[in-house]
Each structure stands twice: as C-alpha cells, then as structure tokens.
C-alpha cells in the first residue's frame, strides 16, 4: 500500500520528505487476515451441506435451525462483544473472540447430529460477532481520520477473500481427509492468528517499533478522540447511534442475500449446476474485494476537491448507493454474464458503502465508544437480515421470482443514506462530558 506521505505533503499535513513507518498497515494486514478467517469459518457448513446430508442425514429443516442458531447468537454477540472490547481493549478482546470462534469452528468436527451442530453454530456466532467491533476499534486507534475508510476497506475485503478461499480449501480437505478435518483446519487457522496478534499488537504509544513521525501522524486528530467511558444506555440516546444502526438495518441484509441466495439464483435462473457455479461466484466476490478497497479510497479525491472529511464520506456513500440501483434488472436479464456484471457491481458497491459506513462510527463517536456503537449497529443489521431472509424464503417458495428481492436491494442504500443524513447531518461528532 503506497503511503502518499512519502512523496511531498500528504492530505493530512505531514511535512514533505518525512518517511512515515508502515506499522499501522501491518496492523491492518492482521485485521484483513482475521476477517478472512472469520468468513471462511462461517461458510464451511454451507459448503459441506450436501456431504452432511449423506453422512448424518441432515434435513433441510434441521439445516435451517442450525443457520438460525448462528444468526441469533451473532445478533446477541454483537451487543455483548462490542461492550466487552471497549472494556478489555482490542489486544485482549480480539484474542478472546478469536479463540471462542476458532474453538467453536473446530467443535463442529465433534458433532454427529443436528443438535450438536446447532450448539457449535451458536457459540461460533457469539465469537464471530466480535470481529467487526474489534477491527473497527483498532482502525480508530491506529489510523488518522483521513485514512480510516481506506484501512476499513482493506480489512473488510477479507470477507470476500474468505468467501473465495473457503470453496477452494474445504472441498480439497474433505475429499482427502474427510469433513471433520475441514472444520479442524479452518479453526486451526484462527488459533495460529492469536500468537501473531499477541506478539505484534500494542496501542500506538506503547508499540516498540513505531517511529515518532508515524505516531504523530496517527494522533494528528485522534489524540482528542479518546473520550470518556460511555455507558451503553447513553449511546441509545444519541441520534448518531440510531443513524448508524438504521443504515446497517437496511443494507446488511442485502449482503447476506448475496451470500446465501446467489447460488440458488444462478441455479434457478440459468440452470447452472454445482460444477458451473464457481466462476460466477468467484467473479462476484473478487469485484467485491475491489469495491471494498476502492470504496475506502473514494473519499480521498473529494477531500482534494475541498470537501471536509465528513462531506467526502457522504459523497462516497452516495456514489456507492447509486451504483447498486441497476441491480433491480437482474431478475429479468437473459444472459448469465449480464447478471454477473450487475451483481458484481452491486456487491462491490455494497462493500465500498460498508467500508465508509463502518468508518462513520469513529467519525461520530470517541474511540472509547466505537466498539459498542458498531455492536449496536451490527445487531440492527442482523435483525434486518433475519427479517429479509424470512421474507425471501416465503416469496421464493410462493412465486419462484426474484423481482421483489432485487427491487428491495436496489433502493435500500439510498433509503439508508437518507436516514443517516437526516439523523446525523454532517456526521456531527458526539461529545460526552467527562
């Protein structure tokens, strides 16, 4: 990742010729890796569903209950994990949630019935819920405001990389060593990440290899952002909390719709079998990764045009929201590649939107409250996802049509942006008394 401050004066005001360190980008790489592992672990059971149907007689209804267990735990975990990470700090808190979800992922290998998988899936959801609150809080600690959306976009692209790696790794392991080993391998990856984080991570003032110039760069506007400890109830009285949560409520379900329904859409619409689904999905997720990083970078040119950081953030989110609108046509196209193009742009725009939406939490709140706010917003997004999945299942069962689903997806981001701007005009910073 090129650091523009190496070459003349940066946007943030770093003096010409000053070579900043890259420790903060190493931290970002660890967040990217953790997020990739997070999405690999959550997708293993979906890839192994046909195998489990044959080996333990798993039924569709039982599989639905297992997924519900994960989603319920994820919603609960987003609230508790965010608060816990604000209390314990990112170094200990992140290791703890990674340990919980990695051991839970490995615990699937001990399951022999649907109830066993449901229990393992519930604990997996509790642990995985901590990833984004911890990662967003880490970005707030390690990056100045001008770089946060880019850093968020980079680590958030790990969700796409995990979605690509899982269907490549899991079948290979399963064919050679059995489905039990597939759960063990992905879980072990998380456990290996923990000592890496423990060794490398410190808060900026205490990091042994951080240069004084990079520390000054990080704290150019962050030093005044720490703020007092804020009780969770006080956050619910802030319009900015509701702005963030409502935006997540409207847009998170669309991403989960892509994750869980795209294979069946391609199969039903274009009669693609399992052996032909891989390429369209890989294209979609690769474009999503590009969109995550590109969307995180997008505010930069608006800042160069003279907009404030918050104005640039809103402008970037407006562009992402507009790029999703053409997805409404996906239900009527005749070519699979036209559908792939429409969905890829929409999925990439979602990830760009998400990178900036996550960053609004640290724009609007002191660092001491970021984890809790992200947790509240994530829970709202999970509730929206449950409701949208319920609606999608019934609509497809009754009509076998994706028209209304893609129509909802096309307008969700613009509606979310209206609520965000109405409740938090200018992304105004919340000030809490000491």
Protein backbone atom coordinates (compact mmCIF):
# COMPACT_ATOMS: atom_id res chain seq x y z
CA UNK A 1 0.00 0.00 0.00
CA UNK A 2 1.60 3.24 -1.11
CA UNK A 3 1.87 5.87 1.57
CA UNK A 4 1.37 9.24 -0.07
CA UNK A 5 3.19 10.97 2.75
CA UNK A 6 6.44 9.54 1.37
CA UNK A 7 6.18 11.93 -1.55
CA UNK A 8 5.71 15.55 -0.54
CA UNK A 9 2.99 16.88 1.70
CA UNK A 10 0.16 14.46 2.36
CA UNK A 11 -3.51 15.32 2.74
CA UNK A 12 -3.11 15.13 6.47
CA UNK A 13 -0.40 17.73 6.54
CA UNK A 14 2.72 15.61 7.01
CA UNK A 15 5.84 17.55 6.10
CA UNK A 16 7.43 16.91 2.70
CA UNK A 17 10.11 14.26 2.67
CA UNK A 18 9.18 12.76 6.04
CA UNK A 19 9.12 8.99 5.72
CA UNK A 20 6.47 7.57 7.94
CA UNK A 21 6.65 3.99 9.14
CA UNK A 22 4.26 1.30 7.98
CA UNK A 23 3.42 -0.28 11.30
CA UNK A 24 -0.21 0.80 11.01
CA UNK A 25 -0.52 -1.09 7.71
CA UNK A 26 0.91 -4.21 9.34
CA UNK A 27 -1.88 -3.90 11.90
CA UNK A 28 -4.34 -3.54 9.01
CA UNK A 29 -2.93 -6.74 7.46
CA UNK A 30 -3.66 -8.61 10.68
CA UNK A 31 -7.24 -7.31 10.62
CA UNK A 32 -7.57 -8.42 7.00
CA UNK A 33 -6.33 -11.91 7.90
CA UNK A 34 -8.70 -12.20 10.86
CA UNK A 35 -11.67 -11.15 8.72
CA UNK A 36 -10.73 -13.67 6.03
CA UNK A 37 -10.63 -16.44 8.64
CA UNK A 38 -13.94 -15.21 10.05
CA UNK A 39 -15.73 -15.67 6.73
CA UNK A 40 -14.04 -18.99 6.00
CA UNK A 41 -15.25 -20.42 9.30
CA UNK A 42 -18.84 -19.29 8.79
CA UNK A 43 -19.04 -20.75 5.25
CA UNK A 44 -17.69 -24.24 5.90
CA UNK A 45 -21.05 -25.74 6.87
CA UNK A 46 -22.77 -24.32 3.77
CA UNK A 47 -20.17 -25.92 1.51
CA UNK A 48 -20.41 -29.23 3.39
CA UNK A 49 -24.23 -29.29 3.49
CA UNK A 50 -24.59 -31.99 0.77
CA UNK A 51 -21.92 -34.09 2.46
CA UNK A 52 -23.64 -33.82 5.85
CA UNK A 53 -26.98 -34.77 4.30
CA UNK A 54 -25.42 -38.03 3.19
CA UNK A 55 -23.25 -38.72 6.22
CA UNK A 56 -25.56 -37.85 9.15
CA UNK A 57 -28.91 -37.49 7.40
CA UNK A 58 -29.16 -33.72 7.87
CA UNK A 59 -32.54 -32.42 6.65
CA UNK A 60 -33.44 -29.03 5.17
CA UNK A 61 -35.44 -28.12 8.27
CA UNK A 62 -32.57 -29.06 10.58
CA UNK A 63 -30.16 -27.06 8.45
CA UNK A 64 -32.47 -24.07 8.73
CA UNK A 65 -32.47 -24.37 12.52
CA UNK A 66 -28.66 -24.53 12.53
CA UNK A 67 -28.44 -21.32 10.49
CA UNK A 68 -30.99 -19.66 12.77
CA UNK A 69 -28.84 -20.58 15.79
CA UNK A 70 -25.86 -18.80 14.24
CA UNK A 71 -27.83 -15.68 13.31
CA UNK A 72 -29.44 -15.40 16.74
CA UNK A 73 -26.11 -15.77 18.51
CA UNK A 74 -24.50 -13.29 16.11
CA UNK A 75 -27.10 -10.65 16.96
CA UNK A 76 -26.63 -11.22 20.69
CA UNK A 77 -22.87 -11.33 20.38
CA UNK A 78 -22.64 -8.03 18.53
CA UNK A 79 -24.07 -6.25 21.56
CA UNK A 80 -22.01 -8.01 24.21
CA UNK A 81 -18.77 -8.24 22.21
CA UNK A 82 -18.68 -4.54 21.38
CA UNK A 83 -19.05 -3.57 25.01
CA UNK A 84 -16.53 -6.19 26.15
CA UNK A 85 -13.92 -4.96 23.67
CA UNK A 86 -14.43 -1.37 24.81
CA UNK A 87 -13.78 -2.57 28.38
CA UNK A 88 -10.90 -5.00 27.79
CA UNK A 89 -9.22 -3.21 24.91
CA UNK A 90 -8.52 -4.52 21.44
CA UNK A 91 -5.40 -6.53 22.25
CA UNK A 92 -7.04 -8.86 24.79
CA UNK A 93 -10.59 -8.56 23.46
CA UNK A 94 -9.68 -9.55 19.91
CA UNK A 95 -7.71 -12.59 21.07
CA UNK A 96 -10.63 -13.69 23.23
CA UNK A 97 -13.26 -13.54 20.47
CA UNK A 98 -10.88 -15.22 18.00
CA UNK A 99 -10.30 -18.05 20.50
CA UNK A 100 -14.05 -18.52 21.04
CA UNK A 101 -14.93 -18.69 17.37
CA UNK A 102 -11.89 -20.81 16.39
CA UNK A 103 -12.58 -23.42 19.08
CA UNK A 104 -16.26 -23.37 18.13
CA UNK A 105 -15.37 -23.92 14.47
CA UNK A 106 -13.21 -26.89 15.46
CA UNK A 107 -16.01 -28.13 17.71
CA UNK A 108 -18.13 -28.82 14.62
CA UNK A 109 -15.81 -31.76 13.97
CA UNK A 110 -17.18 -33.45 17.12
CA UNK A 111 -20.80 -33.12 16.01
CA UNK A 112 -22.79 -36.18 14.96
CA UNK A 113 -26.34 -34.78 14.89
CA UNK A 114 -28.16 -31.55 14.04
CA UNK A 115 -28.41 -30.54 17.71
CA UNK A 116 -24.63 -30.82 18.07
CA UNK A 117 -24.13 -28.59 15.04
CA UNK A 118 -26.68 -26.12 16.39
CA UNK A 119 -24.76 -25.78 19.66
CA UNK A 120 -21.44 -25.38 17.85
CA UNK A 121 -23.01 -22.89 15.47
CA UNK A 122 -24.45 -20.82 18.32
CA UNK A 123 -21.07 -20.46 20.02
CA UNK A 124 -19.47 -19.72 16.64
CA UNK A 125 -21.91 -16.85 16.18
CA UNK A 126 -21.13 -15.45 19.63
CA UNK A 127 -17.41 -15.43 18.88
CA UNK A 128 -17.55 -14.23 15.27
CA UNK A 129 -19.71 -11.29 16.29
CA UNK A 130 -16.67 -9.72 17.94
CA UNK A 131 -14.59 -9.42 14.78
CA UNK A 132 -16.01 -6.20 13.35
CA UNK A 133 -16.36 -4.26 16.62
CA UNK A 134 -12.75 -5.17 17.44
CA UNK A 135 -11.45 -4.37 13.95
CA UNK A 136 -13.24 -1.02 13.69
CA UNK A 137 -11.99 -0.01 17.13
CA UNK A 138 -8.45 -1.00 16.11
CA UNK A 139 -8.69 1.18 13.00
CA UNK A 140 -9.86 4.09 15.16
CA UNK A 141 -6.84 3.57 17.43
CA UNK A 142 -4.27 3.19 14.66
CA UNK A 143 -5.30 5.47 11.82
CA UNK A 144 -5.95 9.19 11.45
CA UNK A 145 -9.40 10.14 10.25
CA UNK A 146 -8.22 10.67 6.66
CA UNK A 147 -7.04 7.05 6.32
CA UNK A 148 -9.73 5.17 8.22
CA UNK A 149 -12.11 4.38 5.38
CA UNK A 150 -9.23 3.01 3.28
CA UNK A 151 -7.98 0.87 6.18
CA UNK A 152 -11.53 -0.33 6.81
CA UNK A 153 -11.98 -1.12 3.13
CA UNK A 154 -8.77 -3.18 3.12
CA UNK A 155 -9.60 -5.29 6.15
CA UNK A 156 -13.26 -5.59 5.12
CA UNK A 157 -12.14 -7.04 1.77
CA UNK A 158 -11.06 -10.05 3.81
CA UNK A 159 -14.73 -11.06 3.91
CA UNK A 160 -14.59 -11.54 0.15
CA UNK A 161 -11.24 -13.34 0.28
CA UNK A 162 -12.63 -15.71 2.91
CA UNK A 163 -15.67 -16.33 0.72
CA UNK A 164 -13.36 -17.23 -2.17
CA UNK A 165 -10.88 -19.35 -0.18
CA UNK A 166 -13.49 -21.48 1.59
CA UNK A 167 -14.85 -23.21 -1.56
CA UNK A 168 -11.28 -23.76 -2.71
CA UNK A 169 -9.89 -25.19 0.55
CA UNK A 170 -12.83 -27.05 2.09
CA UNK A 171 -13.62 -29.45 -0.80
CA UNK A 172 -9.90 -30.29 -1.19
CA UNK A 173 -9.53 -31.13 2.51
CA UNK A 174 -12.84 -33.01 2.62
CA UNK A 175 -12.03 -35.26 -0.35
CA UNK A 176 -8.66 -36.22 1.10
CA UNK A 177 -9.24 -36.27 4.86
CA UNK A 178 -12.99 -36.15 5.49
CA UNK A 179 -15.44 -33.44 6.55
CA UNK A 180 -14.34 -33.50 10.19
CA UNK A 181 -10.88 -32.33 9.16
CA UNK A 182 -12.31 -29.44 7.13
CA UNK A 183 -13.73 -27.90 10.31
CA UNK A 184 -10.48 -28.53 12.18
CA UNK A 185 -8.27 -26.94 9.52
CA UNK A 186 -10.18 -23.66 9.29
CA UNK A 187 -10.43 -23.48 13.08
CA UNK A 188 -6.70 -24.02 13.49
CA UNK A 189 -6.02 -21.04 11.22
CA UNK A 190 -7.69 -18.82 13.80
CA UNK A 191 -5.68 -20.26 16.66
CA UNK A 192 -2.47 -19.59 14.71
CA UNK A 193 -3.50 -15.93 14.32
CA UNK A 194 -3.73 -15.40 18.09
CA UNK A 195 0.03 -15.53 18.93
CA UNK A 196 0.75 -13.32 15.90
CA UNK A 197 -1.64 -10.69 17.26
CA UNK A 198 -0.33 -11.07 20.82
CA UNK A 199 3.25 -10.54 19.67
CA UNK A 200 2.67 -7.70 17.21
CA UNK A 201 -0.19 -5.66 18.64
CA UNK A 202 0.18 -2.78 21.07
CA UNK A 203 -1.62 0.52 21.21
CA UNK A 204 0.38 3.14 19.26
CA UNK A 205 2.01 4.88 22.28
CA UNK A 206 3.35 1.53 23.51
CA UNK A 207 4.40 -0.09 20.24
CA UNK A 208 8.16 -0.79 20.28
CA UNK A 209 8.85 -0.25 16.57
CA UNK A 210 6.58 2.72 15.89
CA UNK A 211 8.50 5.83 14.86
CA UNK A 212 7.77 9.19 16.40
CA UNK A 213 6.73 10.53 12.98
CA UNK A 214 4.20 7.74 12.44
CA UNK A 215 2.86 8.17 15.98
CA UNK A 216 2.39 11.89 15.33
CA UNK A 217 0.69 11.06 12.02
CA UNK A 218 -1.72 8.64 13.73
CA UNK A 219 -2.54 11.04 16.54
CA UNK A 220 -2.82 14.19 14.46
CA UNK A 221 -6.56 14.22 15.13
CA UNK A 222 -7.02 11.06 17.18
CA UNK A 223 -5.42 12.28 20.37
CA UNK A 224 -8.52 14.27 21.23
CA UNK A 225 -10.90 11.48 20.22
CA UNK A 226 -10.41 9.01 23.03
CA UNK A 227 -13.20 10.45 25.15
CA UNK A 228 -14.61 9.20 28.44
CA UNK A 229 -16.03 5.74 29.03
CA UNK A 230 -19.66 5.80 27.91
CA UNK A 231 -22.41 3.60 29.26
CA UNK A 232 -24.30 1.62 26.66
CA UNK A 233 -27.66 3.19 27.61
CA UNK A 234 -26.30 6.69 26.94
CA UNK A 235 -25.44 5.69 23.41
CA UNK A 236 -29.09 4.84 22.73
CA UNK A 237 -29.99 8.46 23.44
CA UNK A 238 -27.75 9.66 20.60
CA UNK A 239 -29.27 10.30 17.19
CA UNK A 240 -25.93 9.28 15.65
CA UNK A 241 -26.26 5.78 17.15
CA UNK A 242 -29.66 5.36 15.53
CA UNK A 243 -28.39 6.78 12.26
CA UNK A 244 -25.65 4.16 12.13
CA UNK A 245 -27.94 1.34 13.29
CA UNK A 246 -30.74 2.12 10.83
CA UNK A 247 -28.28 2.31 7.95
CA UNK A 248 -26.98 -1.14 8.96
CA UNK A 249 -30.57 -2.45 9.31
CA UNK A 250 -31.38 -1.54 5.70
CA UNK A 251 -28.14 -2.57 4.00
CA UNK A 252 -26.63 -5.54 5.87
CA UNK A 253 -29.50 -7.84 4.72
CA UNK A 254 -28.59 -7.18 1.10
CA UNK A 255 -25.06 -8.52 1.58
CA UNK A 256 -26.36 -11.63 3.33
CA UNK A 257 -28.86 -12.05 0.50
CA UNK A 258 -25.93 -12.18 -1.92
CA UNK A 259 -24.04 -14.64 0.29
CA UNK A 260 -26.88 -17.07 0.90
CA UNK A 261 -29.09 -16.77 -2.20
CA UNK A 262 -26.81 -16.16 -5.18
CA UNK A 263 -26.06 -19.87 -5.76
CA UNK A 264 -29.77 -20.71 -5.88
CA UNK A 265 -30.46 -17.65 -8.07
CA UNK A 266 -27.87 -18.72 -10.66
CA UNK A 267 -29.13 -22.29 -10.50
CA UNK A 268 -32.82 -21.40 -10.86
CA UNK A 269 -32.40 -18.58 -13.39
CA UNK A 270 -29.69 -20.02 -15.63
CA UNK A 271 -29.79 -23.74 -14.78
CA UNK A 272 -26.19 -23.78 -13.56
CA UNK A 273 -25.19 -26.93 -11.71
CA UNK A 274 -22.66 -27.15 -8.90
CA UNK A 275 -19.69 -27.56 -11.22
CA UNK A 276 -20.57 -24.35 -13.10
CA UNK A 277 -21.45 -22.09 -10.16
CA UNK A 278 -17.87 -21.47 -9.09
CA UNK A 279 -16.75 -18.98 -11.76
CA UNK A 280 -19.73 -16.58 -11.45
CA UNK A 281 -19.41 -16.54 -7.65
CA UNK A 282 -15.64 -16.05 -7.74
CA UNK A 283 -16.07 -13.10 -10.10
CA UNK A 284 -18.68 -11.52 -7.83
CA UNK A 285 -16.52 -11.87 -4.72
CA UNK A 286 -13.37 -10.63 -6.46
CA UNK A 287 -15.17 -7.50 -7.64
CA UNK A 288 -16.49 -7.13 -4.10
CA UNK A 289 -12.95 -7.11 -2.78
CA UNK A 290 -12.00 -4.42 -5.29
CA UNK A 291 -15.09 -2.44 -4.29
CA UNK A 292 -14.19 -2.65 -0.62
CA UNK A 293 -10.74 -1.17 -1.13
CA UNK A 294 -11.86 1.25 -3.85
CA UNK A 295 -14.78 2.46 -1.75
CA UNK A 296 -12.45 3.02 1.17
CA UNK A 297 -10.20 5.13 -1.06
CA UNK A 298 -13.10 7.02 -2.67
CA UNK A 299 -13.36 9.89 -0.13
CA UNK A 300 -9.76 10.93 -0.89
CA UNK A 301 -10.41 12.67 -4.24
CA UNK A 302 -13.39 14.51 -2.75
CA UNK A 303 -11.15 15.82 0.04
CA UNK A 304 -8.71 17.04 -2.60
CA UNK A 305 -11.61 18.93 -4.18
CA UNK A 306 -12.03 20.84 -0.93
CA UNK A 307 -14.73 18.85 0.85
CA UNK A 308 -14.34 18.12 4.55
CA UNK A 309 -13.66 14.54 5.62
CA UNK A 310 -17.29 14.02 6.60
CA UNK A 311 -18.63 15.59 3.40
CA UNK A 312 -16.28 13.39 1.39
CA UNK A 313 -17.56 10.34 3.27
CA UNK A 314 -21.18 11.18 2.43
CA UNK A 315 -20.31 11.80 -1.22
CA UNK A 316 -18.56 8.43 -1.46
CA UNK A 317 -21.56 6.68 0.12
CA UNK A 318 -23.91 8.40 -2.33
CA UNK A 319 -21.89 7.08 -5.28
CA UNK A 320 -21.92 3.55 -3.83
CA UNK A 321 -25.67 3.73 -3.21
CA UNK A 322 -26.28 4.88 -6.80
CA UNK A 323 -24.16 2.04 -8.22
CA UNK A 324 -26.44 -0.53 -6.57
CA UNK A 325 -29.63 0.78 -8.23
CA UNK A 326 -29.25 -1.14 -11.55
CA UNK A 327 -29.42 -4.45 -9.64
CA UNK A 328 -33.23 -4.32 -9.97
CA UNK A 329 -32.77 -5.51 -13.60
CA UNK A 330 -31.02 -8.74 -12.55
CA UNK A 331 -34.28 -10.66 -12.26
CA UNK A 332 -35.12 -10.10 -15.93
CA UNK A 333 -31.81 -10.48 -17.79
CA UNK A 334 -31.33 -13.36 -20.22
CA UNK A 335 -27.53 -13.66 -20.07
CA UNK A 336 -25.75 -15.11 -17.07
CA UNK A 337 -22.81 -12.78 -17.67
CA UNK A 338 -25.05 -9.73 -17.72
CA UNK A 339 -26.39 -10.89 -14.37
CA UNK A 340 -22.86 -11.45 -13.08
CA UNK A 341 -21.90 -7.92 -14.17
CA UNK A 342 -24.92 -6.32 -12.46
CA UNK A 343 -24.48 -8.30 -9.25
CA UNK A 344 -20.72 -7.79 -9.17
CA UNK A 345 -21.08 -4.00 -9.41
CA UNK A 346 -23.79 -4.03 -6.73
CA UNK A 347 -21.79 -6.29 -4.42
CA UNK A 348 -18.66 -4.20 -4.91
CA UNK A 349 -20.66 -1.03 -4.23
CA UNK A 350 -22.03 -2.62 -1.05
CA UNK A 351 -18.53 -3.27 0.20
CA UNK A 352 -17.48 0.29 -0.63
CA UNK A 353 -20.57 1.53 1.20
CA UNK A 354 -19.81 -0.73 4.14
CA UNK A 355 -16.21 0.49 4.43
CA UNK A 356 -17.45 4.07 4.72
CA UNK A 357 -20.45 3.27 6.91
CA UNK A 358 -18.23 1.46 9.41
CA UNK A 359 -15.91 4.46 9.44
CA UNK A 360 -18.77 6.84 10.32
CA UNK A 361 -18.82 5.21 13.77
CA UNK A 362 -15.34 6.55 14.51
CA UNK A 363 -16.17 9.83 12.75
CA UNK A 364 -19.13 10.43 15.07
CA UNK A 365 -18.05 8.82 18.37
CA UNK A 366 -14.98 8.88 20.66
CA UNK A 367 -12.76 5.83 20.39
CA UNK A 368 -13.92 4.62 23.81
CA UNK A 369 -17.44 4.07 22.40
CA UNK A 370 -16.70 2.80 18.89
CA UNK A 371 -16.86 -0.91 19.72
CA UNK A 372 -20.24 -0.53 21.43
CA UNK A 373 -21.70 1.55 18.60
CA UNK A 374 -20.54 -0.95 15.98
CA UNK A 375 -22.06 -3.73 18.09
CA UNK A 376 -25.41 -1.94 18.29
CA UNK A 377 -25.40 -1.29 14.56
CA UNK A 378 -24.37 -4.86 13.81
CA UNK A 379 -27.25 -6.19 15.90
CA UNK A 380 -29.65 -3.99 13.93
CA UNK A 381 -28.14 -5.35 10.72
CA UNK A 382 -28.58 -8.92 11.96
CA UNK A 383 -32.23 -8.29 12.81
CA UNK A 384 -32.78 -6.85 9.35
CA UNK A 385 -31.03 -9.89 7.83
CA UNK A 386 -33.27 -12.32 9.71
CA UNK A 387 -36.39 -10.47 8.54
CA UNK A 388 -35.18 -10.25 4.94
CA UNK A 389 -34.24 -13.94 4.86
CA UNK A 390 -37.70 -14.84 6.22
CA UNK A 391 -39.31 -12.72 3.51
CA UNK A 392 -37.04 -14.11 0.77
CA UNK A 393 -37.76 -17.71 1.71
CA UNK A 394 -41.52 -17.23 1.62
CA UNK A 395 -41.51 -15.15 -1.58
CA UNK A 396 -39.37 -17.67 -3.44
CA UNK A 397 -41.45 -20.58 -2.14
CA UNK A 398 -44.68 -18.94 -3.34
CA UNK A 399 -43.64 -17.12 -6.51
CA UNK A 400 -40.21 -18.50 -7.54
CA UNK A 401 -39.43 -14.91 -8.54
CA UNK A 402 -36.53 -12.69 -7.52
CA UNK A 403 -38.15 -9.47 -8.79
CA UNK A 404 -39.15 -8.03 -5.41
CA UNK A 405 -35.88 -9.11 -3.78
CA UNK A 406 -33.68 -7.31 -6.29
CA UNK A 407 -36.03 -4.31 -6.21
CA UNK A 408 -35.58 -4.02 -2.45
CA UNK A 409 -31.82 -4.37 -2.85
CA UNK A 410 -31.70 -1.59 -5.46
CA UNK A 411 -33.26 1.05 -3.22
CA UNK A 412 -32.07 0.02 0.24
CA UNK A 413 -28.86 2.08 0.18
CA UNK A 414 -30.45 5.33 -0.91
CA UNK A 415 -33.09 4.94 1.80
CA UNK A 416 -30.38 4.19 4.36
CA UNK A 417 -28.40 7.26 3.29
CA UNK A 418 -31.48 9.47 3.71
CA UNK A 419 -31.94 8.21 7.27
CA UNK A 420 -28.23 8.59 8.02
CA UNK A 421 -28.14 12.17 6.80
CA UNK A 422 -31.45 13.11 8.45
CA UNK A 423 -30.48 11.75 11.86
CA UNK A 424 -26.81 12.74 11.76
CA UNK A 425 -26.43 15.72 9.40
CA UNK A 426 -22.80 16.29 8.57
CA UNK A 427 -21.85 13.24 10.70
CA UNK A 428 -21.54 15.59 13.65
CA UNK A 429 -19.27 14.36 16.45
CA UNK A 430 -20.93 13.30 19.71
CA UNK A 431 -19.45 14.99 22.75
CA UNK A 432 -19.71 13.26 26.12
CA UNK A 433 -18.99 15.07 29.38
CA UNK A 434 -16.08 13.73 31.41
